[in-house]
Amino acid sequence: MSVQETPTPKSARTQRRTIVGVVAGDRMAKTIKILVHREFTHPKYEKRIRRRSIYVAHDEKREARLGDTVEIRETRRISKTKTWALVRVLKKAAVVGDAS
């Protein structure tokens, strides 16, 4: 008996999870930290619960800066903690005036 594999559709690669968050750190080379807030209702007590998570993402062109709102996509493992990649910068952070 031969086992027949079902072909995976080509669009499966584009259906990865995407998350929108704010850049919390950009000091590393080609790496940014994204802060994501989420809010949900407790299943039993029906109280609103707030949680936050920090994701480490790959930023090849170093285009995201501290405070920017960005979209990241799940990708293959790049390092021990990096499993996300920057898709695009949705909104630039307000520029604070120079000290000089």
Protein backbone atom coordinates (compact mmCIF):
# COMPACT_ATOMS: atom_id res chain seq x y z
CA MET A 1 0.00 0.00 0.00
CA SER A 2 1.25 3.41 -0.81
CA VAL A 3 0.53 6.46 1.27
CA GLN A 4 -0.64 9.38 -0.76
CA GLU A 5 0.23 12.84 0.53
CA THR A 6 -2.15 15.70 0.02
CA PRO A 7 -0.50 18.63 -1.71
CA THR A 8 -0.20 21.76 0.38
CA PRO A 9 -1.64 24.86 -1.25
CA LYS A 10 0.79 27.60 -2.26
CA SER A 11 -1.19 30.15 -0.27
CA ALA A 12 -0.41 28.33 3.01
CA ARG A 13 2.85 30.27 3.24
CA THR A 14 1.02 33.59 3.18
CA GLN A 15 -1.42 32.58 5.92
CA ARG A 16 0.96 33.11 8.82
CA ARG A 17 -0.07 34.96 11.96
CA THR A 18 0.36 38.73 11.95
CA ILE A 19 0.36 41.00 14.99
CA VAL A 20 0.24 44.78 15.37
CA GLY A 21 2.21 46.34 18.20
CA VAL A 22 4.48 49.20 19.30
CA VAL A 23 8.28 49.12 19.11
CA ALA A 24 9.60 48.96 22.68
CA GLY A 25 13.30 48.60 21.84
CA ASP A 26 15.50 49.11 18.80
CA ARG A 27 19.05 49.07 20.18
CA MET A 28 20.10 45.71 18.72
CA ALA A 29 21.38 45.26 15.18
CA LYS A 30 18.52 44.26 12.84
CA THR A 31 16.34 43.32 15.83
CA ILE A 32 13.41 45.12 17.45
CA LYS A 33 11.24 44.36 20.46
CA ILE A 34 7.48 44.71 19.96
CA LEU A 35 5.08 45.35 22.84
CA VAL A 36 1.60 43.91 22.19
CA HIS A 37 -1.36 44.59 24.48
CA ARG A 38 -4.35 42.26 24.41
CA GLU A 39 -7.59 42.29 26.36
CA PHE A 40 -10.01 39.40 26.80
CA THR A 41 -12.87 38.26 29.00
CA HIS A 42 -12.24 35.59 31.63
CA PRO A 43 -14.22 32.48 30.65
CA LYS A 44 -15.64 31.83 34.13
CA TYR A 45 -15.73 35.19 35.92
CA GLU A 46 -16.42 37.33 32.84
CA LYS A 47 -14.04 40.04 33.98
CA ARG A 48 -11.93 41.93 31.43
CA ILE A 49 -8.27 40.92 31.71
CA ARG A 50 -5.36 42.87 30.23
CA ARG A 51 -2.14 41.14 29.23
CA ARG A 52 0.96 42.30 27.42
CA SER A 53 3.61 40.37 25.56
CA ILE A 54 6.97 41.31 24.10
CA TYR A 55 7.97 39.74 20.79
CA VAL A 56 11.45 39.90 19.27
CA ALA A 57 11.34 40.55 15.52
CA HIS A 58 13.83 40.76 12.66
CA ASP A 59 14.17 44.18 11.00
CA GLU A 60 16.49 43.71 8.02
CA LYS A 61 16.48 47.34 6.80
CA ARG A 62 16.44 48.89 10.31
CA GLU A 63 13.44 51.05 9.40
CA ALA A 64 11.46 50.78 12.67
CA ARG A 65 12.24 53.17 15.50
CA LEU A 66 11.22 53.41 19.15
CA GLY A 67 7.50 54.17 19.49
CA ASP A 68 6.51 53.23 15.92
CA THR A 69 3.40 51.12 15.38
CA VAL A 70 4.39 48.10 13.28
CA GLU A 71 3.01 44.89 11.84
CA ILE A 72 5.02 41.69 12.33
CA ARG A 73 4.56 38.23 10.79
CA GLU A 74 5.46 34.81 12.12
CA THR A 75 8.43 33.32 10.30
CA ARG A 76 11.04 30.60 10.58
CA ARG A 77 13.34 30.67 13.60
CA ILE A 78 16.12 33.20 13.00
CA SER A 79 17.77 32.94 16.42
CA LYS A 80 16.95 31.58 19.86
CA THR A 81 14.28 34.20 20.50
CA LYS A 82 13.54 35.64 17.04
CA THR A 83 10.61 33.95 15.28
CA TRP A 84 8.92 37.07 13.91
CA ALA A 85 9.81 39.43 11.06
CA LEU A 86 8.82 43.03 10.39
CA VAL A 87 6.25 43.39 7.61
CA ARG A 88 5.75 47.16 7.57
CA VAL A 89 5.70 50.29 9.68
CA LEU A 90 2.08 51.38 10.06
CA LYS A 91 2.61 54.68 11.90
CA LYS A 92 5.76 56.61 12.74
CA ALA A 93 6.23 57.87 16.28
CA ALA A 94 6.06 61.58 17.00
CA VAL A 95 9.53 63.14 16.85
CA VAL A 96 10.60 64.76 20.10
CA GLY A 97 12.43 68.09 19.75
CA ASP A 98 16.24 68.21 19.77
CA ALA A 99 18.07 69.04 23.01
CA SER A 100 20.59 71.22 21.16
